[in-house]
Amino acid sequence: MLTAKGLELPHDEFAEKYHVLGVFPKPFSPRELLQCVQQIVETGTCTIPKVYF
């Protein structure tokens, strides 16, 4: 999930309700986003440090 700058979301609630694997608040690195997507496709999880759960 990508969030708008300054918008704080209850990450735990979204993760449980919508099966969100991670949250990237703006500004985020497109390179880190791509790495995370590749990891999710390969392993089903993302271990990039900028991702908030």
PDB file of N, CA and C in Angstrom:
ATOM      1  N   MET A   1       0.851  -1.165   0.000  1.00  0.00           N
ATOM      2  CA  MET A   1       0.000   0.000   0.000  1.00  0.00           C
ATOM      3  C   MET A   1       0.899   1.231   0.000  1.00  0.00           C
ATOM      4  N   LEU A   2       0.565   2.205  -0.816  1.00  0.00           N
ATOM      5  CA  LEU A   2       1.275   3.478  -0.840  1.00  0.00           C
ATOM      6  C   LEU A   2       0.372   4.515  -0.195  1.00  0.00           C
ATOM      7  N   THR A   3       0.936   5.321   0.712  1.00  0.00           N
ATOM      8  CA  THR A   3       0.128   6.313   1.408  1.00  0.00           C
ATOM      9  C   THR A   3       0.589   7.719   1.064  1.00  0.00           C
ATOM     10  N   ALA A   4      -0.298   8.669   1.232  1.00  0.00           N
ATOM     11  CA  ALA A   4       0.019  10.071   0.973  1.00  0.00           C
ATOM     12  C   ALA A   4       0.901  10.619   2.098  1.00  0.00           C
ATOM     13  N   LYS A   5       1.730  11.583   1.770  1.00  0.00           N
ATOM     14  CA  LYS A   5       2.610  12.187   2.754  1.00  0.00           C
ATOM     15  C   LYS A   5       1.777  12.820   3.865  1.00  0.00           C
ATOM     16  N   GLY A   6       2.122  12.505   5.087  1.00  0.00           N
ATOM     17  CA  GLY A   6       1.445  13.084   6.232  1.00  0.00           C
ATOM     18  C   GLY A   6       0.204  12.328   6.666  1.00  0.00           C
ATOM     19  N   LEU A   7      -0.174  11.294   5.925  1.00  0.00           N
ATOM     20  CA  LEU A   7      -1.359  10.515   6.283  1.00  0.00           C
ATOM     21  C   LEU A   7      -0.930   9.295   7.090  1.00  0.00           C
ATOM     22  N   GLU A   8      -1.347   9.252   8.324  1.00  0.00           N
ATOM     23  CA  GLU A   8      -0.991   8.133   9.205  1.00  0.00           C
ATOM     24  C   GLU A   8      -2.133   7.133   9.211  1.00  0.00           C
ATOM     25  N   LEU A   9      -1.825   5.908   8.881  1.00  0.00           N
ATOM     26  CA  LEU A   9      -2.821   4.848   8.843  1.00  0.00           C
ATOM     27  C   LEU A   9      -2.526   3.811   9.919  1.00  0.00           C
ATOM     28  N   PRO A  10      -3.556   3.164  10.438  1.00  0.00           N
ATOM     29  CA  PRO A  10      -3.340   2.075  11.393  1.00  0.00           C
ATOM     30  C   PRO A  10      -2.851   0.833  10.633  1.00  0.00           C
ATOM     31  N   HIS A  11      -1.536   0.677  10.532  1.00  0.00           N
ATOM     32  CA  HIS A  11      -0.943  -0.380   9.714  1.00  0.00           C
ATOM     33  C   HIS A  11      -1.423  -1.767  10.113  1.00  0.00           C
ATOM     34  N   ASP A  12      -1.520  -2.042  11.404  1.00  0.00           N
ATOM     35  CA  ASP A  12      -1.937  -3.364  11.859  1.00  0.00           C
ATOM     36  C   ASP A  12      -3.360  -3.682  11.411  1.00  0.00           C
ATOM     37  N   GLU A  13      -4.232  -2.691  11.492  1.00  0.00           N
ATOM     38  CA  GLU A  13      -5.631  -2.896  11.090  1.00  0.00           C
ATOM     39  C   GLU A  13      -5.724  -3.205   9.592  1.00  0.00           C
ATOM     40  N   PHE A  14      -4.990  -2.455   8.770  1.00  0.00           N
ATOM     41  CA  PHE A  14      -5.013  -2.700   7.333  1.00  0.00           C
ATOM     42  C   PHE A  14      -4.394  -4.041   6.989  1.00  0.00           C
ATOM     43  N   ALA A  15      -3.325  -4.396   7.659  1.00  0.00           N
ATOM     44  CA  ALA A  15      -2.666  -5.672   7.389  1.00  0.00           C
ATOM     45  C   ALA A  15      -3.615  -6.834   7.664  1.00  0.00           C
ATOM     46  N   GLU A  16      -4.340  -6.761   8.755  1.00  0.00           N
ATOM     47  CA  GLU A  16      -5.247  -7.843   9.112  1.00  0.00           C
ATOM     48  C   GLU A  16      -6.501  -7.854   8.228  1.00  0.00           C
ATOM     49  N   LYS A  17      -7.102  -6.697   8.038  1.00  0.00           N
ATOM     50  CA  LYS A  17      -8.382  -6.621   7.326  1.00  0.00           C
ATOM     51  C   LYS A  17      -8.234  -6.832   5.817  1.00  0.00           C
ATOM     52  N   TYR A  18      -7.194  -6.242   5.221  1.00  0.00           N
ATOM     53  CA  TYR A  18      -7.046  -6.262   3.767  1.00  0.00           C
ATOM     54  C   TYR A  18      -5.852  -7.095   3.294  1.00  0.00           C
ATOM     55  N   HIS A  19      -5.188  -7.782   4.196  1.00  0.00           N
ATOM     56  CA  HIS A  19      -4.033  -8.626   3.863  1.00  0.00           C
ATOM     57  C   HIS A  19      -2.913  -7.815   3.198  1.00  0.00           C
ATOM     58  N   VAL A  20      -2.666  -6.622   3.736  1.00  0.00           N
ATOM     59  CA  VAL A  20      -1.603  -5.752   3.236  1.00  0.00           C
ATOM     60  C   VAL A  20      -0.266  -6.298   3.727  1.00  0.00           C
ATOM     61  N   LEU A  21       0.686  -6.468   2.816  1.00  0.00           N
ATOM     62  CA  LEU A  21       1.995  -6.990   3.184  1.00  0.00           C
ATOM     63  C   LEU A  21       2.929  -5.906   3.687  1.00  0.00           C
ATOM     64  N   GLY A  22       2.687  -4.653   3.300  1.00  0.00           N
ATOM     65  CA  GLY A  22       3.547  -3.571   3.748  1.00  0.00           C
ATOM     66  C   GLY A  22       2.986  -2.229   3.333  1.00  0.00           C
ATOM     67  N   VAL A  23       3.495  -1.188   3.957  1.00  0.00           N
ATOM     68  CA  VAL A  23       3.054   0.175   3.670  1.00  0.00           C
ATOM     69  C   VAL A  23       4.282   1.012   3.345  1.00  0.00           C
ATOM     70  N   PHE A  24       4.234   1.702   2.221  1.00  0.00           N
ATOM     71  CA  PHE A  24       5.293   2.622   1.826  1.00  0.00           C
ATOM     72  C   PHE A  24       4.748   4.041   1.928  1.00  0.00           C
ATOM     73  N   PRO A  25       5.111   4.786   2.976  1.00  0.00           N
ATOM     74  CA  PRO A  25       4.671   6.185   3.046  1.00  0.00           C
ATOM     75  C   PRO A  25       5.510   7.035   2.088  1.00  0.00           C
ATOM     76  N   LYS A  26       4.909   8.107   1.557  1.00  0.00           N
ATOM     77  CA  LYS A  26       5.659   9.015   0.690  1.00  0.00           C
ATOM     78  C   LYS A  26       6.557   9.885   1.541  1.00  0.00           C
ATOM     79  N   PRO A  27       7.689  10.296   1.110  1.00  0.00           N
ATOM     80  CA  PRO A  27       8.325   9.913  -0.143  1.00  0.00           C
ATOM     81  C   PRO A  27       8.952   8.535  -0.009  1.00  0.00           C
ATOM     82  N   PHE A  28       8.818   7.728  -1.022  1.00  0.00           N
ATOM     83  CA  PHE A  28       9.407   6.393  -1.024  1.00  0.00           C
ATOM     84  C   PHE A  28      10.300   6.264  -2.246  1.00  0.00           C
ATOM     85  N   SER A  29      11.193   5.327  -2.174  1.00  0.00           N
ATOM     86  CA  SER A  29      12.113   5.085  -3.272  1.00  0.00           C
ATOM     87  C   SER A  29      11.479   4.096  -4.251  1.00  0.00           C
ATOM     88  N   PRO A  30      11.352   4.466  -5.522  1.00  0.00           N
ATOM     89  CA  PRO A  30      10.823   3.517  -6.504  1.00  0.00           C
ATOM     90  C   PRO A  30      11.667   2.241  -6.575  1.00  0.00           C
ATOM     91  N   ARG A  31      12.966   2.379  -6.353  1.00  0.00           N
ATOM     92  CA  ARG A  31      13.849   1.211  -6.381  1.00  0.00           C
ATOM     93  C   ARG A  31      13.503   0.259  -5.231  1.00  0.00           C
ATOM     94  N   GLU A  32      13.273   0.801  -4.030  1.00  0.00           N
ATOM     95  CA  GLU A  32      12.899  -0.040  -2.892  1.00  0.00           C
ATOM     96  C   GLU A  32      11.535  -0.686  -3.108  1.00  0.00           C
ATOM     97  N   LEU A  33      10.605   0.049  -3.715  1.00  0.00           N
ATOM     98  CA  LEU A  33       9.286  -0.499  -4.019  1.00  0.00           C
ATOM     99  C   LEU A  33       9.415  -1.678  -4.976  1.00  0.00           C
ATOM    100  N   LEU A  34      10.200  -1.523  -6.029  1.00  0.00           N
ATOM    101  CA  LEU A  34      10.405  -2.596  -6.998  1.00  0.00           C
ATOM    102  C   LEU A  34      11.062  -3.808  -6.349  1.00  0.00           C
ATOM    103  N   GLN A  35      12.063  -3.576  -5.487  1.00  0.00           N
ATOM    104  CA  GLN A  35      12.719  -4.676  -4.787  1.00  0.00           C
ATOM    105  C   GLN A  35      11.721  -5.432  -3.915  1.00  0.00           C
ATOM    106  N   CYS A  36      10.860  -4.701  -3.243  1.00  0.00           N
ATOM    107  CA  CYS A  36       9.861  -5.321  -2.387  1.00  0.00           C
ATOM    108  C   CYS A  36       8.883  -6.154  -3.211  1.00  0.00           C
ATOM    109  N   VAL A  37       8.419  -5.613  -4.330  1.00  0.00           N
ATOM    110  CA  VAL A  37       7.492  -6.344  -5.197  1.00  0.00           C
ATOM    111  C   VAL A  37       8.148  -7.625  -5.705  1.00  0.00           C
ATOM    112  N   GLN A  38       9.408  -7.546  -6.105  1.00  0.00           N
ATOM    113  CA  GLN A  38      10.120  -8.733  -6.572  1.00  0.00           C
ATOM    114  C   GLN A  38      10.233  -9.773  -5.463  1.00  0.00           C
ATOM    115  N   GLN A  39      10.527  -9.339  -4.232  1.00  0.00           N
ATOM    116  CA  GLN A  39      10.608 -10.268  -3.115  1.00  0.00           C
ATOM    117  C   GLN A  39       9.259 -10.913  -2.821  1.00  0.00           C
ATOM    118  N   ILE A  40       8.190 -10.139  -2.890  1.00  0.00           N
ATOM    119  CA  ILE A  40       6.856 -10.686  -2.642  1.00  0.00           C
ATOM    120  C   ILE A  40       6.502 -11.735  -3.686  1.00  0.00           C
ATOM    121  N   VAL A  41       6.818 -11.473  -4.943  1.00  0.00           N
ATOM    122  CA  VAL A  41       6.530 -12.433  -6.011  1.00  0.00           C
ATOM    123  C   VAL A  41       7.323 -13.720  -5.793  1.00  0.00           C
ATOM    124  N   GLU A  42       8.580 -13.596  -5.374  1.00  0.00           N
ATOM    125  CA  GLU A  42       9.440 -14.764  -5.204  1.00  0.00           C
ATOM    126  C   GLU A  42       9.181 -15.526  -3.914  1.00  0.00           C
ATOM    127  N   THR A  43       8.939 -14.803  -2.804  1.00  0.00           N
ATOM    128  CA  THR A  43       8.881 -15.467  -1.498  1.00  0.00           C
ATOM    129  C   THR A  43       7.574 -15.286  -0.740  1.00  0.00           C
ATOM    130  N   GLY A  44       6.763 -14.317  -1.139  1.00  0.00           N
ATOM    131  CA  GLY A  44       5.518 -14.047  -0.430  1.00  0.00           C
ATOM    132  C   GLY A  44       5.656 -13.063   0.714  1.00  0.00           C
ATOM    133  N   THR A  45       6.870 -12.574   0.972  1.00  0.00           N
ATOM    134  CA  THR A  45       7.104 -11.579   2.017  1.00  0.00           C
ATOM    135  C   THR A  45       8.081 -10.526   1.498  1.00  0.00           C
ATOM    136  N   CYS A  46       8.162  -9.428   2.242  1.00  0.00           N
ATOM    137  CA  CYS A  46       9.094  -8.356   1.884  1.00  0.00           C
ATOM    138  C   CYS A  46       9.916  -7.989   3.111  1.00  0.00           C
ATOM    139  N   THR A  47      11.222  -7.911   2.944  1.00  0.00           N
ATOM    140  CA  THR A  47      12.108  -7.608   4.084  1.00  0.00           C
ATOM    141  C   THR A  47      12.840  -6.275   3.911  1.00  0.00           C
ATOM    142  N   ILE A  48      12.398  -5.438   2.988  1.00  0.00           N
ATOM    143  CA  ILE A  48      13.000  -4.125   2.797  1.00  0.00           C
ATOM    144  C   ILE A  48      12.746  -3.297   4.066  1.00  0.00           C
ATOM    145  N   PRO A  49      13.779  -2.696   4.668  1.00  0.00           N
ATOM    146  CA  PRO A  49      13.625  -1.983   5.942  1.00  0.00           C
ATOM    147  C   PRO A  49      12.621  -0.840   5.948  1.00  0.00           C
ATOM    148  N   LYS A  50      12.375  -0.168   4.825  1.00  0.00           N
ATOM    149  CA  LYS A  50      11.475   0.984   4.796  1.00  0.00           C
ATOM    150  C   LYS A  50      10.004   0.593   4.875  1.00  0.00           C
ATOM    151  N   VAL A  51       9.702  -0.684   4.775  1.00  0.00           N
ATOM    152  CA  VAL A  51       8.309  -1.132   4.773  1.00  0.00           C
ATOM    153  C   VAL A  51       7.816  -1.206   6.213  1.00  0.00           C
ATOM    154  N   TYR A  52       6.644  -0.642   6.467  1.00  0.00           N
ATOM    155  CA  TYR A  52       6.061  -0.640   7.785  1.00  0.00           C
ATOM    156  C   TYR A  52       4.904  -1.619   7.835  1.00  0.00           C
ATOM    157  N   PHE A  53       4.848  -2.410   8.889  1.00  0.00           N
ATOM    158  CA  PHE A  53       3.784  -3.392   9.025  1.00  0.00           C
ATOM    159  C   PHE A  53       2.927  -3.072  10.210  1.00  0.00           C
TER     160      PHE A  53
END
